[in-house]
Protein backbone atom coordinates (compact mmCIF):
# COMPACT_ATOMS: atom_id res chain seq x y z
CA MET A 1 -3.89 7.58 19.42
CA GLU A 2 -5.54 4.48 21.04
CA SER A 3 -6.26 1.62 23.64
CA GLY A 4 -6.10 -1.92 24.38
CA LEU A 5 -2.98 -3.98 24.66
CA ALA A 6 -1.25 -0.83 23.16
CA ARG A 7 -2.69 1.39 25.79
CA ARG A 8 -1.28 -0.84 28.76
CA ARG A 9 2.01 -0.64 27.15
CA PHE A 10 1.67 3.27 26.55
CA LEU A 11 0.94 3.54 30.06
CA ALA A 12 3.65 1.12 31.70
CA PHE A 13 6.07 3.16 29.32
CA MET A 14 5.03 6.59 30.74
CA ALA A 15 5.21 5.56 34.58
CA ALA A 16 8.69 4.22 33.66
CA ALA A 17 10.03 6.58 31.42
CA SER A 18 10.03 10.01 32.94
CA ALA A 19 12.92 12.36 33.14
CA THR A 20 13.56 15.88 33.83
CA SER A 21 14.83 19.21 31.93
CA LEU A 22 15.08 21.09 35.33
CA THR A 23 12.61 23.52 34.30
CA ALA A 24 10.21 23.22 37.04
CA CYS A 25 12.53 24.96 39.34
CA SER A 26 13.33 28.01 40.08
CA THR A 27 15.10 30.41 38.02
CA ASP A 28 16.90 33.33 40.02
CA SER A 29 20.18 34.58 38.75
CA THR A 30 21.58 34.11 41.90
CA LEU A 31 22.51 30.44 42.54
CA GLN A 32 23.25 28.76 45.67
CA SER A 33 24.37 25.52 46.90
CA THR A 34 24.40 24.47 50.83
CA SER A 35 27.29 22.99 52.77
CA ALA A 36 25.30 20.10 53.56
CA ASP A 37 25.39 18.57 49.89
CA THR A 38 28.90 19.28 49.73
CA ASP A 39 29.51 16.75 52.46
CA GLN A 40 27.31 14.51 50.57
CA ASP A 41 28.97 10.69 49.22
CA ASP A 42 27.73 9.26 46.01
CA ASP A 43 25.59 6.75 47.95
CA VAL A 44 23.22 9.79 48.79
CA ASP A 45 19.33 8.99 48.57
CA PRO A 46 17.76 12.04 46.77
CA SER A 47 14.49 11.02 48.12
CA GLN A 48 15.76 11.84 51.29
CA VAL A 49 16.97 15.70 50.19
CA ALA A 50 14.76 18.35 51.51
CA ILE A 51 13.77 20.65 48.18
CA PRO A 52 13.70 24.31 48.99
CA SER A 53 10.80 26.23 48.75
CA ASP A 54 9.51 27.79 45.34
CA ASP A 55 9.76 31.28 47.23
CA THR A 56 13.63 31.02 47.65
CA ARG A 57 14.09 31.06 43.73
CA THR A 58 16.83 28.87 43.85
CA ILE A 59 18.76 25.91 42.09
CA THR A 60 20.49 23.98 44.64
CA THR A 61 22.63 20.75 44.74
CA GLU A 62 19.65 18.76 46.44
CA THR A 63 17.52 20.11 43.52
CA ILE A 64 19.96 18.28 41.00
CA ALA A 65 19.87 15.28 43.25
CA HIS A 66 15.96 14.98 43.21
CA ALA A 67 16.00 15.53 39.40
CA GLU A 68 18.40 12.93 38.87
CA ARG A 69 15.88 10.22 39.97
CA LEU A 70 13.44 11.65 37.24
CA ALA A 71 16.26 11.70 34.77
CA GLY A 72 17.43 8.09 35.21
CA ILE A 73 20.89 9.67 35.59
CA ARG A 74 23.54 10.15 38.50
CA PHE A 75 26.12 12.71 39.46
CA THR A 76 28.62 13.02 41.96
CA PRO A 77 28.67 15.68 44.71
CA SER A 78 31.18 17.77 43.12
CA GLU A 79 29.61 17.45 39.37
CA ARG A 80 26.19 18.86 41.05
CA GLU A 81 28.16 21.92 42.75
CA THR A 82 29.49 22.77 39.13
CA MET A 83 26.29 22.38 37.69
CA VAL A 84 24.62 25.12 40.05
CA GLU A 85 27.06 27.25 39.26
CA SER A 86 25.87 27.42 35.26
CA ILE A 87 22.63 25.74 35.45
CA GLY A 88 20.90 29.41 35.54
CA ASP A 89 21.80 30.37 32.23
CA GLN A 90 20.11 27.14 30.57
CA ILE A 91 17.04 28.10 32.60
CA ARG A 92 17.05 31.64 31.44
CA MET A 93 17.36 30.87 27.73
CA ILE A 94 13.93 28.66 28.29
CA GLU A 95 12.17 31.45 30.16
CA GLN A 96 13.41 33.93 27.51
CA ARG A 97 11.70 31.50 24.64
CA VAL A 98 8.31 31.23 26.87
CA ASN A 99 7.92 34.61 27.84
CA GLY A 100 9.08 36.17 24.83
CA LEU A 101 8.16 34.14 21.84
CA GLU A 102 4.81 33.39 20.42
CA MET A 103 4.06 30.43 17.99
CA PRO A 104 0.92 29.62 16.53
CA ASP A 105 -0.56 26.41 16.11
CA THR A 106 0.10 26.14 12.52
CA LEU A 107 3.93 26.39 13.07
CA PHE A 108 5.60 23.41 11.75
CA PRO A 109 8.87 22.64 13.48
CA ALA A 110 12.11 23.38 11.23
CA LEU A 111 13.26 19.57 11.03
CA THR A 112 10.77 17.38 9.12
CA PHE A 113 10.68 13.72 8.83
CA ASN A 114 10.97 11.55 5.55
CA PRO A 115 10.04 8.01 5.48
CA LEU A 116 12.30 7.32 2.79
CA LEU A 117 15.96 6.38 3.75
CA PRO A 118 18.62 8.39 1.66
CA GLY A 119 19.11 6.80 -1.44
CA ARG A 120 16.27 4.59 -1.49
CA THR A 121 13.48 5.09 -4.09
CA THR A 122 10.00 3.79 -3.79
CA ASN A 123 9.54 0.03 -4.46
CA LEU A 124 5.66 -0.84 -5.07
CA ALA A 125 4.26 -3.96 -5.75
CA THR A 126 1.28 -2.22 -7.23
CA ARG A 127 2.42 -0.07 -10.37
CA SER A 128 -0.72 0.67 -12.29
CA GLY A 129 -4.38 1.39 -11.86
CA ASP A 130 -6.83 4.36 -11.46
CA PRO A 131 -7.66 4.81 -8.09
CA ASN A 132 -10.72 6.78 -9.42
CA THR A 133 -12.03 3.65 -11.38
CA LEU A 134 -14.61 1.82 -9.33
CA SER A 135 -16.23 -1.51 -9.97
CA THR A 136 -19.08 -1.45 -12.42
CA CYS A 137 -22.49 -0.87 -10.52
CA ASP A 138 -25.88 -0.99 -12.57
CA HIS A 139 -28.63 -2.13 -10.29
CA ALA A 140 -31.35 0.14 -9.21
CA LEU A 141 -31.72 2.76 -6.55
CA PRO A 142 -33.33 0.48 -3.45
CA THR A 143 -36.57 1.55 -1.75
CA ASP A 144 -35.17 1.25 1.41
CA ASP A 145 -33.32 4.34 2.99
CA ALA A 146 -30.88 2.26 5.12
CA ARG A 147 -29.85 0.42 2.20
CA ILE A 148 -29.01 3.41 0.43
CA ALA A 149 -27.40 4.82 3.46
CA HIS A 150 -24.97 1.95 3.82
CA ALA A 151 -23.94 1.58 -0.06
CA SER A 152 -20.62 1.62 -1.64
CA LEU A 153 -19.08 4.84 -3.22
CA ALA A 154 -19.51 2.99 -6.61
CA GLU A 155 -22.98 2.47 -5.71
CA LEU A 156 -23.95 5.97 -4.42
CA GLY A 157 -21.98 7.45 -7.45
CA HIS A 158 -23.93 5.25 -10.25
CA TRP A 159 -27.32 6.28 -8.66
CA LEU A 160 -26.31 10.16 -8.58
CA ARG A 161 -24.84 10.15 -12.34
CA SER A 162 -27.93 8.22 -13.50
CA ARG A 163 -29.96 10.70 -11.61
CA GLN A 164 -31.77 8.01 -9.79
CA ILE A 165 -31.33 10.20 -6.91
CA SER A 166 -30.11 13.72 -6.47
CA SER A 167 -27.20 15.04 -4.26
CA ARG A 168 -29.94 17.16 -2.08
CA ASP A 169 -31.96 13.71 -1.68
CA LEU A 170 -28.98 12.05 -0.43
CA THR A 171 -28.04 14.91 1.74
CA THR A 172 -31.18 14.98 2.97
CA LEU A 173 -31.21 11.59 4.11
CA TYR A 174 -27.78 11.65 5.83
CA LEU A 175 -28.43 14.58 7.51
CA ASP A 176 -31.99 12.96 8.88
CA ARG A 177 -30.12 9.87 10.12
CA LEU A 178 -27.19 12.00 11.73
CA ARG A 179 -29.81 14.03 13.79
CA SER A 180 -31.76 10.62 14.48
CA HIS A 181 -28.98 8.61 15.62
CA ASP A 182 -26.69 11.03 17.14
CA ALA A 183 -28.63 10.57 20.49
CA LYS A 184 -27.35 6.98 21.03
CA LEU A 185 -24.01 7.46 18.96
CA HIS A 186 -22.64 10.72 20.25
CA CYS A 187 -20.85 10.94 17.22
CA VAL A 188 -21.49 14.71 15.79
CA VAL A 189 -19.97 17.73 17.21
CA THR A 190 -21.61 20.38 14.28
CA LEU A 191 -24.09 19.53 11.89
CA MET A 192 -23.15 21.25 8.36
CA GLU A 193 -26.67 21.65 7.06
CA LYS A 194 -26.94 25.13 5.61
CA SER A 195 -23.52 24.81 3.71
CA ALA A 196 -24.15 20.79 3.07
CA LEU A 197 -27.36 21.58 1.04
CA GLU A 198 -25.72 24.58 -1.04
CA GLN A 199 -22.94 21.80 -2.35
CA ALA A 200 -25.38 19.45 -2.96
CA ASP A 201 -27.50 21.94 -5.12
CA ARG A 202 -24.17 22.66 -6.66
CA ALA A 203 -23.38 19.18 -7.62
CA ASP A 204 -26.83 18.59 -8.92
CA ARG A 205 -26.51 21.71 -11.24
CA GLU A 206 -23.26 20.16 -12.60
CA LEU A 207 -24.70 16.58 -13.08
CA LYS A 208 -27.29 18.31 -14.71
CA THR A 209 -25.62 19.93 -17.45
CA GLY A 210 -23.45 16.59 -17.73
CA SER A 211 -20.46 17.84 -15.59
CA CYS A 212 -19.15 15.54 -12.96
CA ARG A 213 -16.08 16.18 -11.09
CA GLY A 214 -15.39 12.48 -10.17
CA PRO A 215 -16.43 9.63 -8.15
CA LEU A 216 -17.14 11.54 -5.15
CA HIS A 217 -19.43 14.31 -6.94
CA GLY A 218 -22.39 14.72 -4.80
CA ILE A 219 -21.61 12.27 -2.10
CA PRO A 220 -22.04 13.46 1.27
CA TRP A 221 -19.28 13.06 4.03
CA GLY A 222 -17.88 13.53 7.57
CA ALA A 223 -15.20 15.22 8.83
CA LYS A 224 -12.87 14.47 12.03
CA ASP A 225 -13.32 17.59 14.18
CA LEU A 226 -9.87 18.79 13.98
CA PHE A 227 -9.87 19.73 10.58
CA ASP A 228 -10.35 23.60 10.20
CA THR A 229 -13.53 24.94 8.77
CA LYS A 230 -13.77 28.54 8.02
CA GLY A 231 -16.21 30.32 9.93
CA VAL A 232 -17.45 26.96 11.74
CA PRO A 233 -16.18 25.91 15.28
CA THR A 234 -13.47 23.11 15.15
CA THR A 235 -13.26 21.98 18.74
CA TRP A 236 -10.64 19.38 18.75
CA GLY A 237 -13.34 17.55 20.80
CA ALA A 238 -11.76 19.60 24.15
CA SER A 239 -13.80 21.83 26.44
CA THR A 240 -10.61 24.25 26.05
CA SER A 241 -11.46 25.04 22.29
CA ARG A 242 -14.94 24.28 22.03
CA ASN A 243 -15.28 27.79 20.90
CA ARG A 244 -12.61 27.94 18.59
CA ILE A 245 -13.46 29.18 15.00
CA PRO A 246 -10.60 29.29 12.29
CA ASP A 247 -10.40 31.73 9.55
CA SER A 248 -9.33 29.58 7.07
CA THR A 249 -10.02 25.72 5.82
CA ALA A 250 -8.05 22.73 5.93
CA ALA A 251 -6.26 21.41 2.82
CA VAL A 252 -8.13 18.23 2.93
CA ILE A 253 -11.61 19.92 3.31
CA ARG A 254 -10.88 22.14 0.47
CA ARG A 255 -9.37 19.14 -1.94
CA LEU A 256 -12.56 17.17 -1.22
CA ASP A 257 -14.60 20.09 -1.95
CA ASP A 258 -12.99 20.43 -5.32
CA ALA A 259 -13.83 16.83 -5.94
CA GLY A 260 -17.61 17.88 -5.60
CA ALA A 261 -18.22 16.27 -2.08
CA VAL A 262 -20.92 17.26 0.52
CA LEU A 263 -19.47 17.86 3.75
CA VAL A 264 -22.20 17.31 6.06
CA ALA A 265 -20.88 17.10 9.77
CA LYS A 266 -17.95 17.76 11.77
CA LEU A 267 -17.71 14.64 13.62
CA THR A 268 -16.33 13.69 16.94
CA LEU A 269 -12.82 12.68 18.53
CA GLY A 270 -11.40 12.15 21.83
CA ALA A 271 -10.32 15.09 23.44
CA LEU A 272 -7.23 16.55 21.48
CA ALA A 273 -7.24 13.38 19.52
CA TYR A 274 -7.07 10.50 22.25
CA GLY A 275 -9.54 8.01 23.04
CA ASP A 276 -13.57 8.38 22.45
CA ILE A 277 -14.19 10.76 25.30
CA TRP A 278 -15.01 14.41 24.36
CA PHE A 279 -16.44 17.34 25.99
CA GLY A 280 -20.08 16.05 24.97
CA GLY A 281 -19.59 12.53 26.68
CA ARG A 282 -18.48 9.08 24.87
CA THR A 283 -18.77 8.29 21.35
CA ASN A 284 -20.33 4.73 21.19
CA ASN A 285 -20.18 1.91 18.96
CA PRO A 286 -23.03 1.53 16.42
CA TRP A 287 -22.69 -2.56 16.83
CA ASN A 288 -22.89 -2.40 20.73
CA LEU A 289 -23.88 0.43 22.31
CA ASP A 290 -22.67 -0.51 25.73
CA GLU A 291 -18.94 -0.02 24.69
CA GLY A 292 -17.36 2.96 23.23
CA SER A 293 -16.33 3.47 19.49
CA SER A 294 -12.55 3.87 20.22
CA GLY A 295 -10.52 6.52 19.26
CA SER A 296 -9.35 8.77 18.72
CA SER A 297 -11.39 9.09 15.30
CA ALA A 298 -14.18 7.90 17.15
CA GLY A 299 -17.06 9.57 15.13
CA SER A 300 -15.61 8.99 12.04
CA ALA A 301 -15.71 5.31 12.55
CA ALA A 302 -19.35 5.32 14.43
CA ALA A 303 -21.04 7.40 11.85
CA THR A 304 -19.41 5.89 8.83
CA ALA A 305 -20.46 2.24 10.27
CA ALA A 306 -23.79 3.08 11.01
CA GLY A 307 -24.48 4.71 7.44
CA LEU A 308 -24.60 8.46 8.50
CA VAL A 309 -22.06 9.56 6.05
CA GLY A 310 -20.66 7.97 2.66
CA PHE A 311 -17.26 8.11 4.02
CA SER A 312 -15.36 10.13 6.78
CA LEU A 313 -11.63 11.50 7.04
CA GLY A 314 -9.68 10.42 10.24
CA THR A 315 -6.28 11.04 11.69
CA GLU A 316 -3.72 8.69 13.13
CA THR A 317 -0.29 9.44 15.13
CA CYS A 318 -0.55 5.76 16.98
CA GLY A 319 -3.73 3.78 16.41
CA SER A 320 -6.66 6.56 16.09
CA ILE A 321 -7.75 5.21 12.36
CA VAL A 322 -6.56 1.62 13.31
CA SER A 323 -8.24 1.22 16.54
CA PRO A 324 -11.64 2.96 16.03
CA SER A 325 -12.00 0.98 12.50
CA LEU A 326 -11.07 -2.35 14.25
CA ARG A 327 -14.02 -1.55 17.09
CA CYS A 328 -16.64 -0.25 14.61
CA GLY A 329 -15.95 -2.45 11.49
CA THR A 330 -15.18 0.21 8.95
CA VAL A 331 -12.11 -0.08 6.83
CA GLY A 332 -9.64 2.08 7.79
CA LEU A 333 -6.44 3.40 5.45
CA ARG A 334 -3.55 5.16 7.24
CA PRO A 335 -1.56 6.49 4.08
CA THR A 336 2.48 6.64 3.91
CA PHE A 337 3.94 9.87 5.94
CA GLY A 338 3.76 12.55 3.72
CA ARG A 339 1.61 11.77 1.29
CA VAL A 340 -1.60 13.92 2.57
CA PRO A 341 -0.99 17.15 3.59
CA ARG A 342 -2.07 18.25 7.09
CA ASP A 343 -2.06 22.02 6.95
CA GLY A 344 -5.45 23.21 8.64
CA ALA A 345 -5.32 20.07 10.88
CA MET A 346 -4.67 20.07 14.78
CA ALA A 347 -1.09 19.14 15.32
CA LEU A 348 -0.25 16.16 18.16
CA CYS A 349 3.02 15.06 16.72
CA TRP A 350 4.56 16.76 13.73
CA SER A 351 6.78 13.58 12.53
CA LEU A 352 3.88 11.24 13.20
CA ASP A 353 0.37 12.67 12.26
CA LYS A 354 -1.64 11.19 9.23
CA VAL A 355 -4.46 11.63 7.33
CA GLY A 356 -6.75 9.09 5.61
CA PRO A 357 -9.77 7.80 4.66
CA ILE A 358 -12.40 5.32 6.78
CA VAL A 359 -14.94 3.75 4.64
CA ARG A 360 -17.33 0.82 4.68
CA HIS A 361 -15.78 -0.85 1.71
CA VAL A 362 -12.03 -1.41 0.85
CA GLU A 363 -12.26 -0.16 -2.75
CA ASP A 364 -13.81 3.26 -1.35
CA ALA A 365 -10.64 3.98 0.37
CA ALA A 366 -9.11 4.52 -2.94
CA PRO A 367 -10.98 7.52 -4.56
CA VAL A 368 -10.77 9.37 -1.10
CA LEU A 369 -6.96 9.16 -0.70
CA ALA A 370 -6.65 9.94 -4.06
CA ALA A 371 -8.70 13.37 -3.70
CA ILE A 372 -6.63 14.25 -1.00
CA ASN A 373 -3.26 12.83 -2.23
CA GLY A 374 -0.32 15.55 -3.00
CA ALA A 375 2.01 18.17 -1.36
CA SER A 376 0.71 21.26 0.01
CA PRO A 377 2.65 24.51 0.69
CA GLY A 378 1.42 24.49 4.26
CA ASP A 379 2.89 21.12 5.05
CA PRO A 380 6.56 20.90 4.91
CA SER A 381 6.66 17.35 5.25
CA SER A 382 4.04 16.49 2.69
CA VAL A 383 5.21 15.16 -0.74
CA ASN A 384 3.98 14.57 -4.32
CA ARG A 385 3.76 10.57 -4.82
CA PRO A 386 1.90 8.67 -7.60
CA LEU A 387 -1.02 6.53 -6.60
CA PHE A 388 -1.97 3.13 -8.29
CA CYS A 389 -4.73 1.38 -7.43
CA ASP A 390 -6.18 -1.30 -9.48
CA ALA A 391 -9.91 -2.44 -8.45
CA GLY A 392 -9.88 -5.63 -10.82
CA ALA A 393 -6.34 -6.66 -9.83
CA LYS A 394 -5.55 -10.08 -8.03
CA ALA A 395 -3.65 -10.71 -4.89
CA ARG A 396 -2.15 -14.23 -6.23
CA GLY A 397 1.44 -14.24 -6.12
CA LEU A 398 2.04 -11.60 -3.64
CA ARG A 399 4.36 -11.80 -0.69
CA VAL A 400 2.77 -11.29 2.94
CA GLY A 401 5.02 -11.78 6.00
CA TYR A 402 3.46 -12.88 9.53
CA ASN A 403 4.17 -14.33 12.51
CA PRO A 404 2.00 -17.35 14.10
CA ALA A 405 2.91 -16.08 17.59
CA TRP A 406 1.01 -12.89 16.92
CA PHE A 407 -2.38 -14.69 16.86
CA THR A 408 -3.60 -16.12 19.99
CA ASP A 409 -5.80 -19.04 20.55
CA ASP A 410 -9.08 -17.30 21.44
CA GLU A 411 -12.00 -15.59 20.10
CA THR A 412 -10.18 -12.66 18.43
CA GLY A 413 -7.30 -14.59 17.40
CA ARG A 414 -9.13 -16.94 15.52
CA ILE A 415 -10.95 -14.18 13.90
CA GLU A 416 -7.61 -12.89 12.82
CA MET A 417 -6.43 -16.03 11.83
CA LYS A 418 -9.57 -16.01 9.20
CA GLY A 419 -7.82 -13.17 7.55
CA VAL A 420 -4.52 -14.73 7.07
CA GLU A 421 -6.39 -17.89 5.57
CA ALA A 422 -8.17 -15.91 3.22
CA LEU A 423 -5.03 -14.39 1.68
CA ARG A 424 -3.58 -18.17 1.42
CA GLN A 425 -6.48 -19.61 -0.35
CA SER A 426 -6.29 -16.84 -2.82
CA GLY A 427 -2.76 -17.56 -4.09
CA VAL A 428 -0.97 -15.20 -1.54
CA GLN A 429 2.53 -16.46 -0.70
CA LEU A 430 2.63 -16.29 3.24
CA LYS A 431 5.94 -15.89 4.70
CA GLU A 432 6.90 -16.18 8.60
CA ILE A 433 8.74 -13.14 10.05
CA THR A 434 10.08 -12.12 13.24
CA LEU A 435 10.61 -8.61 14.94
CA PRO A 436 14.21 -7.77 16.68
CA ASP A 437 13.77 -8.30 20.81
CA TRP A 438 13.98 -4.21 20.52
CA PRO A 439 12.55 -1.88 23.30
CA TRP A 440 9.54 -0.71 20.76
CA ASP A 441 8.23 1.41 23.78
CA ALA A 442 11.11 3.66 23.73
CA LEU A 443 9.78 5.22 20.53
CA PHE A 444 6.58 6.79 22.65
CA MET A 445 9.06 9.20 23.77
CA ILE A 446 8.74 11.09 20.25
CA LEU A 447 5.12 11.21 20.51
CA LEU A 448 5.09 12.62 24.09
CA ALA A 449 7.70 15.02 24.07
CA GLU A 450 6.10 16.39 20.35
CA ALA A 451 2.47 16.46 22.33
CA THR A 452 3.55 18.34 25.02
CA ALA A 453 5.43 20.87 22.98
CA ALA A 454 2.18 21.17 20.83
CA PHE A 455 0.11 21.84 23.76
CA GLU A 456 2.42 23.81 25.88
CA SER A 457 0.28 26.78 26.45
CA LEU A 458 -2.59 24.27 27.86
CA THR A 459 -0.18 23.19 30.79
CA ARG A 460 1.24 26.57 31.34
CA SER A 461 -1.55 28.20 31.74
CA ASN A 462 -3.27 25.47 33.90
CA GLN A 463 -6.13 25.54 31.00
CA ASP A 464 -5.58 21.57 31.13
CA ASP A 465 -7.57 21.43 34.19
CA GLN A 466 -10.79 21.98 32.32
CA LEU A 467 -10.09 18.60 30.37
CA ALA A 468 -12.92 16.39 31.09
CA TRP A 469 -10.37 12.93 31.45
CA GLN A 470 -8.03 13.61 34.39
CA ALA A 471 -6.26 10.59 35.01
CA PRO A 472 -2.88 9.27 35.35
CA GLU A 473 -3.11 8.20 31.70
CA ALA A 474 -5.08 11.09 30.34
CA TRP A 475 -3.23 14.01 28.25
CA PRO A 476 -2.90 16.64 31.40
CA ASN A 477 -0.85 14.58 33.63
CA THR A 478 0.87 13.17 30.28
CA PHE A 479 1.70 16.80 29.41
CA ARG A 480 3.12 17.64 32.73
CA GLN A 481 5.53 14.74 33.34
CA SER A 482 6.93 15.01 29.53
CA TRP A 483 8.32 17.94 30.53
CA PHE A 484 11.00 15.86 32.33
CA ILE A 485 12.29 14.10 29.20
CA PRO A 486 15.54 14.75 28.79
CA GLY A 487 16.82 16.60 25.23
CA PRO A 488 19.57 13.83 24.87
CA GLU A 489 17.07 11.21 25.61
CA LEU A 490 14.73 12.42 22.90
CA VAL A 491 17.93 12.43 20.24
CA GLN A 492 18.78 9.08 21.26
CA VAL A 493 15.17 7.81 20.47
CA ASP A 494 15.12 9.45 17.39
CA ARG A 495 18.49 7.44 16.34
CA PHE A 496 16.41 4.34 17.24
CA ARG A 497 13.93 5.52 14.86
CA ARG A 498 16.48 5.43 12.22
CA GLN A 499 17.54 2.27 12.97
CA CYS A 500 13.73 1.01 12.96
CA MET A 501 13.60 2.40 9.47
CA GLU A 502 16.53 0.78 7.96
CA HIS A 503 15.38 -2.66 9.53
CA PHE A 504 11.99 -2.61 8.03
CA ASP A 505 13.28 -1.40 4.61
CA SER A 506 15.39 -4.68 4.56
CA VAL A 507 12.26 -6.31 5.79
CA PHE A 508 10.10 -5.11 2.62
CA GLU A 509 13.03 -6.15 0.46
CA SER A 510 11.60 -9.89 0.39
CA ILE A 511 7.71 -9.16 1.40
CA ASP A 512 4.82 -7.10 -0.27
CA ALA A 513 3.29 -6.23 3.22
CA ILE A 514 2.64 -7.86 6.60
CA ILE A 515 -0.56 -8.98 8.24
CA ALA A 516 -1.02 -8.86 11.57
CA PRO A 517 -3.40 -8.29 14.87
CA SER A 518 -3.65 -4.64 14.91
CA PHE A 519 -2.27 -4.59 17.95
CA ALA A 520 0.46 -6.72 17.30
CA GLU A 521 3.74 -6.26 19.76
CA GLY A 522 5.76 -3.39 18.56
CA LEU A 523 4.07 -2.78 15.41
CA ILE A 524 1.39 -0.11 16.06
CA ILE A 525 4.17 2.45 17.30
CA SER A 526 7.58 1.28 15.21
CA MET A 527 5.40 1.22 12.03
CA ASN A 528 3.81 4.71 12.93
CA CYS A 529 7.43 6.00 13.51
CA THR A 530 8.73 4.66 10.36
CA GLY A 531 5.65 6.17 8.22
CA HIS A 532 4.67 2.89 6.33
CA PRO A 533 1.30 2.75 5.58
CA SER A 534 -1.65 0.36 6.93
CA LEU A 535 -5.06 -1.02 6.34
CA THR A 536 -7.78 -2.27 8.86
CA VAL A 537 -10.14 -4.39 7.46
CA PRO A 538 -13.39 -6.25 9.18
CA VAL A 539 -13.36 -9.98 9.19
CA ASP A 540 -16.21 -10.95 11.58
CA LEU A 541 -18.28 -10.35 14.61
CA LYS A 542 -17.52 -11.25 18.05
CA GLN A 543 -20.09 -12.84 20.67
CA ASN A 544 -20.57 -9.52 22.01
CA GLY A 545 -22.06 -8.14 18.51
CA SER A 546 -19.13 -6.07 17.96
CA PRO A 547 -16.75 -6.49 14.57
CA HIS A 548 -13.01 -7.47 14.94
CA GLY A 549 -10.31 -7.61 11.78
CA VAL A 550 -6.99 -7.46 11.36
CA THR A 551 -4.40 -5.03 9.95
CA MET A 552 -1.78 -4.92 7.12
CA ILE A 553 1.08 -2.98 6.67
CA GLY A 554 2.64 -2.05 3.31
CA ARG A 555 5.44 -0.72 1.51
CA LEU A 556 6.21 2.93 1.62
CA PHE A 557 3.59 4.82 -0.81
CA ASP A 558 2.38 1.46 -1.91
CA GLU A 559 -1.32 1.64 -0.64
CA GLY A 560 -2.74 0.26 -3.82
CA THR A 561 -1.28 -3.06 -2.57
CA LEU A 562 -2.86 -3.19 0.71
CA LEU A 563 -6.27 -2.56 -0.90
CA ARG A 564 -5.76 -5.53 -3.29
CA LEU A 565 -5.19 -7.75 -0.14
CA GLY A 566 -7.94 -6.01 1.37
CA ARG A 567 -10.53 -6.89 -0.83
CA VAL A 568 -9.55 -10.47 -0.61
CA ILE A 569 -10.30 -10.63 3.30
CA GLU A 570 -13.52 -8.51 2.43
CA SER A 571 -14.93 -10.57 0.01
CA THR A 572 -13.92 -13.92 1.38
CA CYS A 573 -15.02 -13.14 5.24
CA TRP A 574 -17.04 -9.73 5.68
CA LEU A 575 -19.33 -9.24 2.63
CA THR A 576 -20.91 -13.02 2.42
CA GLU A 577 -23.63 -11.57 4.55
CA THR A 578 -25.56 -8.26 5.19
CA ARG A 579 -23.14 -6.49 7.66
CA VAL A 580 -25.26 -3.85 9.16
CA PRO A 581 -25.28 -2.32 12.76
CA GLY A 582 -28.73 -3.55 14.08
CA GLY A 583 -29.15 -0.25 16.37
CA THR A 584 -28.85 1.91 13.12
CA ALA A 585 -30.34 0.06 10.28
């Protein structure tokens, strides 16, 4: 999850929306009330009521009066008296669960999210095309290592299959670049040299016998360090888990191994998938080392942009693919929720987390997504859906919604409008749309509650004190105060989520996609909650040397249409000149 305007809204929301489950107070079976509270009138100021010491192990009417301020609700004195008589049973249920039940990190909730509304089917604008078919490449291997390192997957694959370079030599090139540039970027957690060279040698042996597993065969890549790798540390970017060594491997890593890709590095993420600060420091933007790469897929975007890997995998809960791709000038594809399985990946928010590719060229996203696509028994939300991507399909005639009010008259707004105009010039039909005036930030409640549940053990054990970032907006404080979100409020927000699903389902009846600034009002949280896919594409460089781009949002399971649109913007705006970060050429 990440920052900018969305972070400011996020922080303001958290400050305003705390509520209580009354679990923070005592749990003695003998619950007492005070005569003083019995005489209180309905206008009592709960802030003036003394809170009993924890040593008394009591819940009193004063305790409930204070809790009302957190919950945003008000009860009468007699109602508080009645609650005092029965609240102990509720608290004991919580204590029994906490003290008597162990739940492993791999355990998904019983309720799972399905982005398709009941009775609806997928409605695709792109209905054909093999995602493993890339553009034809026939030019010779460059002599410049940096040019090779920044090449597209079509180029890398051609050079490997034509034996102009071996997978071992290509892997060694990327390993050397990871070592040499990490001092500036701080994007590597674990270098996988030994296993990478073994995978590369296997790829070379197979190519030598005429056997090719597909377009990713022999190509080195990097994984965000929240995907389990058996016997190799998977740290989640946090000091509390830096020595964590899993005994199994994530489904997506196994699938990319089956596709012949070569895992060369575990890449950084902001601690527990928030921001770009991890236990080793801050991951930097290769275009502008004075700023962070954004996050939480910080190392994936930085390493891909810098030509340290052929491609990478990131994850998104609310902006963690979009934001670093926007900052680092990479192409970030956030797939439809459920298309890619998450077993073996750190859970932040079970009903929001998604896994997707971060690449240098729009076309490169298709074969990576194809390799990791499909249901897995370990992820109850994962589904089997076809993936259609046609590298040669034009965008003319596609209908794209946008709102002129989203695009500000400043440097970033003008860059974003270049992307809109590129679509217009290509024959795309632009249609003005508006969003309802809804309290979009209320949807953050889902993320906060699920993330707090996922990391309950850190909060209860006080290990959250070990995390490097300790601020009001950082995870430790967020996890603590989110224990005060009422259960009924979470249900109400989930109902609002369904309302959003129904709204955008109707919106996409008349358009094929939406184009917008990446953090346009309401879109980043609402479209993550509805499960729609998005594609972030670089457009141009800002005056400070950092890239900037736009994000397009598509129909459910229609990633191929987003790639058709993305190629228009890329070819018109971004690839008209050499785009290589100066510090890592």
